[in-house]
Amino acid sequence: MGLEGPPVPPIPMRLYGDKAKVKVKGAPIVLYFRGDAFQGGRLEEAERPAGTALVDAGAIVLEADYARGSDSRFPQAMEHAFMALAYLSTKRKLYGGLSKSQLFVAGDEAGGNIAAGVALKARDVLPGELSGQILMSPMIDPMMASNSFNRADEIGMGQRWAEGWSHYLRSACGFQHPYAAPCLCSRLSGVAPALIVTSEDDPLHDEAIGYAERLAASGVSVRQKVFPVGCGWTGIYKGGSGKWMETLCSEFTGFVHELSA
């Protein structure tokens, strides 16, 4: 569903869910980035279950079309995503009903990388503007050498992720830039609180948990959720839903309440 009327966002965005459905005034605003291994994925495609789950939890979810063609590489894709965040930070009342509505970034797989990179840049450029980051199996380690990553081929994602990293980091400096590979960032203190989600059978499990541990060690508030084997979580890589959606709603609600306490 496209956004209508002024002001025009700096990049295309769409509002998830039923636009006619009234949200609670001051509901949290979530800027969502879909995955697709840094390749493909358009706003015209079906809404992703991860974003839908956040809508069901009461959030106002806007998906940003951060990548088109060659702009799906670093740094263009991340910069486009950050432009969307900067825009929403000044339009909280327009979308959330209150000028102090909480503002989050969220993403799954490659979108989790974008969300993490945007959160790091927000710390550096827009301190205090971002309430939190929701990283769902974030694809943040270009080395692809963790123990859990060995399971990638079992779900048909190993080659796709390798090709995705090669595409995204085409820039000579990309591999070394913390906004492109957040797990390599040496300074994580001061970044927004994080909700990090993965599953026991997730090939990206180890890099997700490793990043959560490094954030916590840097003094960042972190909430973790690891789904058990068999809940269907890894289906998110192909746009699938599952039994995890209701629990994700609860985790997001708990995360928001923790930040509001």
C-alpha atoms as a PDB file:
ATOM      1  CA  MET A   1       0.000   0.000   0.000  1.00  0.00           C
ATOM      2  CA  GLY A   2       1.628   3.253  -1.091  1.00  0.00           C
ATOM      3  CA  LEU A   3       1.830   6.398   1.011  1.00  0.00           C
ATOM      4  CA  GLU A   4      -0.409   9.198  -0.198  1.00  0.00           C
ATOM      5  CA  GLY A   5      -0.050  12.945  -0.059  1.00  0.00           C
ATOM      6  CA  PRO A   6       2.712  15.265   1.108  1.00  0.00           C
ATOM      7  CA  PRO A   7       5.294  15.308   2.453  1.00  0.00           C
ATOM      8  CA  VAL A   8       7.091  13.042   0.005  1.00  0.00           C
ATOM      9  CA  PRO A   9       9.641  10.644   1.582  1.00  0.00           C
ATOM     10  CA  PRO A  10      13.203  10.803   0.176  1.00  0.00           C
ATOM     11  CA  ILE A  11      12.878   7.205  -1.045  1.00  0.00           C
ATOM     12  CA  PRO A  12       9.755   5.134  -1.776  1.00  0.00           C
ATOM     13  CA  MET A  13       8.086   3.656   1.305  1.00  0.00           C
ATOM     14  CA  ARG A  14       4.894   1.779   1.939  1.00  0.00           C
ATOM     15  CA  LEU A  15       2.705   1.398   4.966  1.00  0.00           C
ATOM     16  CA  TYR A  16       2.051  -2.167   6.100  1.00  0.00           C
ATOM     17  CA  GLY A  17      -1.373  -3.415   7.075  1.00  0.00           C
ATOM     18  CA  ASP A  18      -4.793  -1.835   6.754  1.00  0.00           C
ATOM     19  CA  LYS A  19      -4.373   1.911   6.338  1.00  0.00           C
ATOM     20  CA  ALA A  20      -7.966   2.461   7.483  1.00  0.00           C
ATOM     21  CA  LYS A  21      -7.383   0.664  10.781  1.00  0.00           C
ATOM     22  CA  VAL A  22      -6.921   3.165  13.594  1.00  0.00           C
ATOM     23  CA  LYS A  23      -3.706   2.774  15.560  1.00  0.00           C
ATOM     24  CA  VAL A  24      -3.225   3.827  19.155  1.00  0.00           C
ATOM     25  CA  LYS A  25      -1.970   7.393  19.287  1.00  0.00           C
ATOM     26  CA  GLY A  26       1.734   7.303  19.986  1.00  0.00           C
ATOM     27  CA  ALA A  27       2.165   3.758  18.659  1.00  0.00           C
ATOM     28  CA  PRO A  28       5.800   2.862  17.945  1.00  0.00           C
ATOM     29  CA  ILE A  29       7.003   3.522  14.412  1.00  0.00           C
ATOM     30  CA  VAL A  30       9.115   0.816  12.767  1.00  0.00           C
ATOM     31  CA  LEU A  31      11.182   1.415   9.637  1.00  0.00           C
ATOM     32  CA  TYR A  32      11.494  -2.054   8.133  1.00  0.00           C
ATOM     33  CA  PHE A  33      14.041  -3.385   5.623  1.00  0.00           C
ATOM     34  CA  ARG A  34      13.447  -6.705   3.883  1.00  0.00           C
ATOM     35  CA  GLY A  35      16.273  -9.142   3.189  1.00  0.00           C
ATOM     36  CA  ASP A  36      16.707 -10.949  -0.138  1.00  0.00           C
ATOM     37  CA  ALA A  37      20.488 -11.309   0.302  1.00  0.00           C
ATOM     38  CA  PHE A  38      21.119  -7.746  -0.902  1.00  0.00           C
ATOM     39  CA  GLN A  39      19.571  -8.700  -4.245  1.00  0.00           C
ATOM     40  CA  GLY A  40      16.068  -8.093  -5.525  1.00  0.00           C
ATOM     41  CA  GLY A  41      13.065  -7.404  -3.343  1.00  0.00           C
ATOM     42  CA  ARG A  42      10.648  -4.634  -4.229  1.00  0.00           C
ATOM     43  CA  LEU A  43       7.843  -2.787  -2.508  1.00  0.00           C
ATOM     44  CA  GLU A  44       5.471  -4.199  -5.111  1.00  0.00           C
ATOM     45  CA  GLU A  45       5.981  -7.689  -3.689  1.00  0.00           C
ATOM     46  CA  ALA A  46       3.861  -9.155  -0.905  1.00  0.00           C
ATOM     47  CA  GLU A  47       4.293  -7.850   2.622  1.00  0.00           C
ATOM     48  CA  ARG A  48       6.857  -9.865   4.556  1.00  0.00           C
ATOM     49  CA  PRO A  49       5.686 -11.917   7.561  1.00  0.00           C
ATOM     50  CA  ALA A  50       8.266 -10.325   9.870  1.00  0.00           C
ATOM     51  CA  GLY A  51       6.885  -6.867   9.134  1.00  0.00           C
ATOM     52  CA  THR A  52       3.315  -8.129   9.415  1.00  0.00           C
ATOM     53  CA  ALA A  53       4.062  -9.568  12.859  1.00  0.00           C
ATOM     54  CA  LEU A  54       5.225  -6.151  14.053  1.00  0.00           C
ATOM     55  CA  VAL A  55       1.992  -4.631  12.739  1.00  0.00           C
ATOM     56  CA  ASP A  56       0.060  -7.256  14.697  1.00  0.00           C
ATOM     57  CA  ALA A  57       2.001  -6.159  17.778  1.00  0.00           C
ATOM     58  CA  GLY A  58       0.603  -2.650  17.380  1.00  0.00           C
ATOM     59  CA  ALA A  59       3.439  -0.936  15.525  1.00  0.00           C
ATOM     60  CA  ILE A  60       3.163   1.393  12.567  1.00  0.00           C
ATOM     61  CA  VAL A  61       5.419  -0.341  10.050  1.00  0.00           C
ATOM     62  CA  LEU A  62       6.822   1.383   6.990  1.00  0.00           C
ATOM     63  CA  GLU A  63       8.991  -0.553   4.571  1.00  0.00           C
ATOM     64  CA  ALA A  64      11.682   1.445   2.797  1.00  0.00           C
ATOM     65  CA  ASP A  65      12.706   0.633  -0.769  1.00  0.00           C
ATOM     66  CA  TYR A  66      16.379   1.127   0.003  1.00  0.00           C
ATOM     67  CA  ALA A  67      17.823  -0.796  -2.941  1.00  0.00           C
ATOM     68  CA  ARG A  68      17.252  -0.566  -6.676  1.00  0.00           C
ATOM     69  CA  GLY A  69      19.663  -1.816  -9.348  1.00  0.00           C
ATOM     70  CA  SER A  70      23.270  -0.809  -8.683  1.00  0.00           C
ATOM     71  CA  ASP A  71      22.045   1.128  -5.649  1.00  0.00           C
ATOM     72  CA  SER A  72      21.596  -2.174  -3.824  1.00  0.00           C
ATOM     73  CA  ARG A  73      25.328  -2.089  -3.065  1.00  0.00           C
ATOM     74  CA  PHE A  74      27.185  -0.435  -0.208  1.00  0.00           C
ATOM     75  CA  PRO A  75      27.231   2.451   0.534  1.00  0.00           C
ATOM     76  CA  GLN A  76      24.239   3.538  -1.575  1.00  0.00           C
ATOM     77  CA  ALA A  77      21.755   1.061  -0.096  1.00  0.00           C
ATOM     78  CA  MET A  78      22.645   1.886   3.492  1.00  0.00           C
ATOM     79  CA  GLU A  79      22.634   5.626   2.791  1.00  0.00           C
ATOM     80  CA  HIS A  80      19.177   5.416   1.230  1.00  0.00           C
ATOM     81  CA  ALA A  81      17.959   3.542   4.299  1.00  0.00           C
ATOM     82  CA  PHE A  82      19.451   6.180   6.576  1.00  0.00           C
ATOM     83  CA  MET A  83      17.727   8.925   4.584  1.00  0.00           C
ATOM     84  CA  ALA A  84      14.420   7.212   5.331  1.00  0.00           C
ATOM     85  CA  LEU A  85      15.235   7.131   9.044  1.00  0.00           C
ATOM     86  CA  ALA A  86      16.235  10.794   9.088  1.00  0.00           C
ATOM     87  CA  TYR A  87      12.956  11.646   7.362  1.00  0.00           C
ATOM     88  CA  LEU A  88      10.838   9.656   9.823  1.00  0.00           C
ATOM     89  CA  SER A  89      12.649  11.146  12.801  1.00  0.00           C
ATOM     90  CA  THR A  90      11.152  14.527  11.830  1.00  0.00           C
ATOM     91  CA  LYS A  91       7.711  13.109  10.932  1.00  0.00           C
ATOM     92  CA  ARG A  92       6.868  11.107  14.055  1.00  0.00           C
ATOM     93  CA  LYS A  93       3.652  13.026  14.676  1.00  0.00           C
ATOM     94  CA  LEU A  94       2.521  12.492  11.085  1.00  0.00           C
ATOM     95  CA  TYR A  95       2.799   8.709  11.312  1.00  0.00           C
ATOM     96  CA  GLY A  96       2.632   7.919  15.027  1.00  0.00           C
ATOM     97  CA  GLY A  97       0.357  10.685  16.236  1.00  0.00           C
ATOM     98  CA  LEU A  98       2.877  12.098  18.696  1.00  0.00           C
ATOM     99  CA  SER A  99       6.075  14.048  18.155  1.00  0.00           C
ATOM    100  CA  LYS A 100       7.721  11.752  20.714  1.00  0.00           C
ATOM    101  CA  SER A 101       6.557   8.445  19.223  1.00  0.00           C
ATOM    102  CA  GLN A 102       9.262   5.800  19.572  1.00  0.00           C
ATOM    103  CA  LEU A 103      11.160   5.131  16.353  1.00  0.00           C
ATOM    104  CA  PHE A 104      12.766   1.779  15.534  1.00  0.00           C
ATOM    105  CA  VAL A 105      14.631   0.193  12.651  1.00  0.00           C
ATOM    106  CA  ALA A 106      14.058  -3.473  11.874  1.00  0.00           C
ATOM    107  CA  GLY A 107      15.204  -5.966   9.298  1.00  0.00           C
ATOM    108  CA  ASP A 108      15.657  -9.637   8.592  1.00  0.00           C
ATOM    109  CA  GLU A 109      18.654 -11.281   6.909  1.00  0.00           C
ATOM    110  CA  ALA A 110      20.290  -8.636   4.660  1.00  0.00           C
ATOM    111  CA  GLY A 111      17.707  -6.170   5.923  1.00  0.00           C
ATOM    112  CA  GLY A 112      19.045  -6.857   9.411  1.00  0.00           C
ATOM    113  CA  ASN A 113      22.475  -5.788   8.178  1.00  0.00           C
ATOM    114  CA  ILE A 114      20.985  -2.554   6.834  1.00  0.00           C
ATOM    115  CA  ALA A 115      19.141  -1.938  10.107  1.00  0.00           C
ATOM    116  CA  ALA A 116      22.301  -2.522  12.153  1.00  0.00           C
ATOM    117  CA  GLY A 117      24.324  -0.215   9.887  1.00  0.00           C
ATOM    118  CA  VAL A 118      21.667   2.493  10.082  1.00  0.00           C
ATOM    119  CA  ALA A 119      21.622   2.178  13.883  1.00  0.00           C
ATOM    120  CA  LEU A 120      25.393   2.703  13.986  1.00  0.00           C
ATOM    121  CA  LYS A 121      25.166   5.768  11.762  1.00  0.00           C
ATOM    122  CA  ALA A 122      22.238   7.115  13.804  1.00  0.00           C
ATOM    123  CA  ARG A 123      24.444   6.929  16.894  1.00  0.00           C
ATOM    124  CA  ASP A 124      27.094   8.951  15.073  1.00  0.00           C
ATOM    125  CA  VAL A 125      24.881  11.459  13.240  1.00  0.00           C
ATOM    126  CA  LEU A 126      21.468  11.506  14.959  1.00  0.00           C
ATOM    127  CA  PRO A 127      22.234  10.698  18.602  1.00  0.00           C
ATOM    128  CA  GLY A 128      19.157  10.033  20.694  1.00  0.00           C
ATOM    129  CA  GLU A 129      16.752   9.863  17.742  1.00  0.00           C
ATOM    130  CA  LEU A 130      16.545   6.068  17.434  1.00  0.00           C
ATOM    131  CA  SER A 131      14.697   4.183  20.173  1.00  0.00           C
ATOM    132  CA  GLY A 132      15.861   0.698  19.239  1.00  0.00           C
ATOM    133  CA  GLN A 133      16.841  -1.826  16.574  1.00  0.00           C
ATOM    134  CA  ILE A 134      15.164  -5.148  15.823  1.00  0.00           C
ATOM    135  CA  LEU A 135      17.643  -7.470  14.127  1.00  0.00           C
ATOM    136  CA  MET A 136      16.094 -10.710  12.911  1.00  0.00           C
ATOM    137  CA  SER A 137      18.808 -13.162  11.876  1.00  0.00           C
ATOM    138  CA  PRO A 138      20.956 -10.273  10.676  1.00  0.00           C
ATOM    139  CA  MET A 139      23.369 -11.063   7.848  1.00  0.00           C
ATOM    140  CA  ILE A 140      26.324  -9.144   9.265  1.00  0.00           C
ATOM    141  CA  ASP A 141      29.424 -11.335   8.874  1.00  0.00           C
ATOM    142  CA  PRO A 142      30.935 -11.363   5.354  1.00  0.00           C
ATOM    143  CA  MET A 143      33.423 -14.046   6.399  1.00  0.00           C
ATOM    144  CA  MET A 144      30.599 -16.648   6.501  1.00  0.00           C
ATOM    145  CA  ALA A 145      32.839 -18.872   8.617  1.00  0.00           C
ATOM    146  CA  SER A 146      30.771 -19.555  11.746  1.00  0.00           C
ATOM    147  CA  ASN A 147      29.856 -23.086  12.785  1.00  0.00           C
ATOM    148  CA  SER A 148      26.162 -22.473  12.244  1.00  0.00           C
ATOM    149  CA  PHE A 149      26.765 -21.105   8.739  1.00  0.00           C
ATOM    150  CA  ASN A 150      27.769 -24.618   7.698  1.00  0.00           C
ATOM    151  CA  ARG A 151      24.031 -25.363   7.645  1.00  0.00           C
ATOM    152  CA  ALA A 152      23.342 -22.730   4.974  1.00  0.00           C
ATOM    153  CA  ASP A 153      23.409 -25.192   2.087  1.00  0.00           C
ATOM    154  CA  GLU A 154      20.884 -27.391   3.882  1.00  0.00           C
ATOM    155  CA  ILE A 155      18.239 -24.722   3.349  1.00  0.00           C
ATOM    156  CA  GLY A 156      19.506 -23.678  -0.072  1.00  0.00           C
ATOM    157  CA  MET A 157      20.991 -20.338   0.992  1.00  0.00           C
ATOM    158  CA  GLY A 158      24.772 -20.827   1.004  1.00  0.00           C
ATOM    159  CA  GLN A 159      25.483 -19.778  -2.572  1.00  0.00           C
ATOM    160  CA  ARG A 160      22.848 -17.034  -2.511  1.00  0.00           C
ATOM    161  CA  TRP A 161      24.394 -15.436   0.577  1.00  0.00           C
ATOM    162  CA  ALA A 162      27.912 -15.683  -0.870  1.00  0.00           C
ATOM    163  CA  GLU A 163      26.729 -13.995  -4.059  1.00  0.00           C
ATOM    164  CA  GLY A 164      24.856 -11.420  -2.011  1.00  0.00           C
ATOM    165  CA  TRP A 165      27.929 -10.413  -0.032  1.00  0.00           C
ATOM    166  CA  SER A 166      30.010 -10.218  -3.212  1.00  0.00           C
ATOM    167  CA  HIS A 167      27.395  -7.927  -4.745  1.00  0.00           C
ATOM    168  CA  TYR A 168      26.921  -5.713  -1.682  1.00  0.00           C
ATOM    169  CA  LEU A 169      30.619  -5.227  -0.967  1.00  0.00           C
ATOM    170  CA  ARG A 170      31.597  -4.453  -4.555  1.00  0.00           C
ATOM    171  CA  SER A 171      33.060  -1.182  -3.270  1.00  0.00           C
ATOM    172  CA  ALA A 172      36.755  -1.560  -2.423  1.00  0.00           C
ATOM    173  CA  CYS A 173      36.277  -0.116   1.072  1.00  0.00           C
ATOM    174  CA  GLY A 174      33.032  -1.924   1.858  1.00  0.00           C
ATOM    175  CA  PHE A 175      34.530  -4.942   3.583  1.00  0.00           C
ATOM    176  CA  GLN A 176      36.291  -2.795   6.162  1.00  0.00           C
ATOM    177  CA  HIS A 177      33.484  -0.313   6.826  1.00  0.00           C
ATOM    178  CA  PRO A 178      31.569  -0.910  10.085  1.00  0.00           C
ATOM    179  CA  TYR A 179      28.302   0.255   8.516  1.00  0.00           C
ATOM    180  CA  ALA A 180      28.665  -2.493   5.890  1.00  0.00           C
ATOM    181  CA  ALA A 181      29.805  -5.299   8.195  1.00  0.00           C
ATOM    182  CA  PRO A 182      28.574  -4.348  11.698  1.00  0.00           C
ATOM    183  CA  CYS A 183      30.113  -7.428  13.305  1.00  0.00           C
ATOM    184  CA  LEU A 184      33.542  -5.976  12.463  1.00  0.00           C
ATOM    185  CA  CYS A 185      32.788  -2.650  14.146  1.00  0.00           C
ATOM    186  CA  SER A 186      35.278  -1.958  16.944  1.00  0.00           C
ATOM    187  CA  ARG A 187      33.099   0.654  18.705  1.00  0.00           C
ATOM    188  CA  LEU A 188      29.581  -0.422  19.579  1.00  0.00           C
ATOM    189  CA  SER A 189      28.940   1.630  22.708  1.00  0.00           C
ATOM    190  CA  GLY A 190      26.163   4.173  22.507  1.00  0.00           C
ATOM    191  CA  VAL A 191      24.174   2.422  19.783  1.00  0.00           C
ATOM    192  CA  ALA A 192      20.416   2.008  20.283  1.00  0.00           C
ATOM    193  CA  PRO A 193      19.086  -0.916  22.374  1.00  0.00           C
ATOM    194  CA  ALA A 194      18.608  -4.117  20.401  1.00  0.00           C
ATOM    195  CA  LEU A 195      16.142  -6.962  20.103  1.00  0.00           C
ATOM    196  CA  ILE A 196      17.975  -9.785  18.344  1.00  0.00           C
ATOM    197  CA  VAL A 197      16.082 -12.810  17.061  1.00  0.00           C
ATOM    198  CA  THR A 198      17.302 -16.113  15.631  1.00  0.00           C
ATOM    199  CA  SER A 199      16.631 -19.840  15.998  1.00  0.00           C
ATOM    200  CA  GLU A 200      18.609 -22.869  17.087  1.00  0.00           C
ATOM    201  CA  ASP A 201      18.663 -24.240  13.533  1.00  0.00           C
ATOM    202  CA  ASP A 202      19.397 -20.907  11.848  1.00  0.00           C
ATOM    203  CA  PRO A 203      22.595 -20.738   9.749  1.00  0.00           C
ATOM    204  CA  LEU A 204      22.947 -17.098  10.860  1.00  0.00           C
ATOM    205  CA  HIS A 205      22.523 -18.061  14.534  1.00  0.00           C
ATOM    206  CA  ASP A 206      26.162 -17.666  15.544  1.00  0.00           C
ATOM    207  CA  GLU A 207      26.685 -14.226  14.017  1.00  0.00           C
ATOM    208  CA  ALA A 208      23.399 -12.998  15.502  1.00  0.00           C
ATOM    209  CA  ILE A 209      24.269 -14.214  18.997  1.00  0.00           C
ATOM    210  CA  GLY A 210      27.873 -13.061  18.646  1.00  0.00           C
ATOM    211  CA  TYR A 211      26.720  -9.549  17.780  1.00  0.00           C
ATOM    212  CA  ALA A 212      24.270  -9.577  20.686  1.00  0.00           C
ATOM    213  CA  GLU A 213      27.057 -10.533  23.073  1.00  0.00           C
ATOM    214  CA  ARG A 214      29.375  -7.817  21.756  1.00  0.00           C
ATOM    215  CA  LEU A 215      26.645  -5.198  22.058  1.00  0.00           C
ATOM    216  CA  ALA A 216      25.937  -6.243  25.638  1.00  0.00           C
ATOM    217  CA  ALA A 217      29.651  -6.193  26.479  1.00  0.00           C
ATOM    218  CA  SER A 218      29.736  -2.613  25.168  1.00  0.00           C
ATOM    219  CA  GLY A 219      26.992  -1.551  27.558  1.00  0.00           C
ATOM    220  CA  VAL A 220      24.118  -1.699  25.077  1.00  0.00           C
ATOM    221  CA  SER A 221      20.783  -3.025  26.341  1.00  0.00           C
ATOM    222  CA  VAL A 222      20.054  -6.277  24.494  1.00  0.00           C
ATOM    223  CA  ARG A 223      17.048  -8.589  24.467  1.00  0.00           C
ATOM    224  CA  GLN A 224      17.485 -11.965  22.763  1.00  0.00           C
ATOM    225  CA  LYS A 225      15.039 -14.541  21.475  1.00  0.00           C
ATOM    226  CA  VAL A 226      16.207 -17.895  20.136  1.00  0.00           C
ATOM    227  CA  PHE A 227      13.402 -19.952  18.639  1.00  0.00           C
ATOM    228  CA  PRO A 228      13.547 -23.738  18.981  1.00  0.00           C
ATOM    229  CA  VAL A 229      14.130 -26.111  16.097  1.00  0.00           C
ATOM    230  CA  GLY A 230      11.003 -26.760  14.091  1.00  0.00           C
ATOM    231  CA  CYS A 231       9.207 -23.442  14.553  1.00  0.00           C
ATOM    232  CA  GLY A 232       9.726 -22.511  10.898  1.00  0.00           C
ATOM    233  CA  TRP A 233      11.904 -19.487  11.579  1.00  0.00           C
ATOM    234  CA  THR A 234      14.318 -20.110   8.712  1.00  0.00           C
ATOM    235  CA  GLY A 235      11.375 -19.845   6.340  1.00  0.00           C
ATOM    236  CA  ILE A 236      11.760 -16.053   6.578  1.00  0.00           C
ATOM    237  CA  TYR A 237      14.568 -16.318   4.024  1.00  0.00           C
ATOM    238  CA  LYS A 238      11.980 -17.231   1.417  1.00  0.00           C
ATOM    239  CA  GLY A 239       9.143 -15.073   2.701  1.00  0.00           C
ATOM    240  CA  GLY A 240       7.517 -17.808   4.770  1.00  0.00           C
ATOM    241  CA  SER A 241       5.439 -17.397   7.898  1.00  0.00           C
ATOM    242  CA  GLY A 242       5.213 -19.791  10.824  1.00  0.00           C
ATOM    243  CA  LYS A 243       4.423 -20.434  14.457  1.00  0.00           C
ATOM    244  CA  TRP A 244       7.062 -17.873  15.406  1.00  0.00           C
ATOM    245  CA  MET A 245       4.947 -14.874  14.394  1.00  0.00           C
ATOM    246  CA  GLU A 246       2.869 -14.708  17.572  1.00  0.00           C
ATOM    247  CA  THR A 247       5.963 -15.019  19.748  1.00  0.00           C
ATOM    248  CA  LEU A 248       7.718 -12.293  17.768  1.00  0.00           C
ATOM    249  CA  CYS A 249       4.745 -10.040  18.532  1.00  0.00           C
ATOM    250  CA  SER A 250       5.200 -10.728  22.238  1.00  0.00           C
ATOM    251  CA  GLU A 251       8.951 -10.171  22.098  1.00  0.00           C
ATOM    252  CA  PHE A 252       8.549  -6.814  20.367  1.00  0.00           C
ATOM    253  CA  THR A 253       5.879  -5.736  22.849  1.00  0.00           C
ATOM    254  CA  GLY A 254       8.129  -6.712  25.751  1.00  0.00           C
ATOM    255  CA  PHE A 255      11.067  -4.891  24.182  1.00  0.00           C
ATOM    256  CA  VAL A 256       9.035  -1.684  23.804  1.00  0.00           C
ATOM    257  CA  HIS A 257       7.794  -1.928  27.382  1.00  0.00           C
ATOM    258  CA  GLU A 258      11.343  -2.393  28.684  1.00  0.00           C
ATOM    259  CA  LEU A 259      12.446   0.760  26.900  1.00  0.00           C
ATOM    260  CA  SER A 260       9.449   2.686  28.210  1.00  0.00           C
ATOM    261  CA  ALA A 261       9.971   1.663  31.839  1.00  0.00           C
END
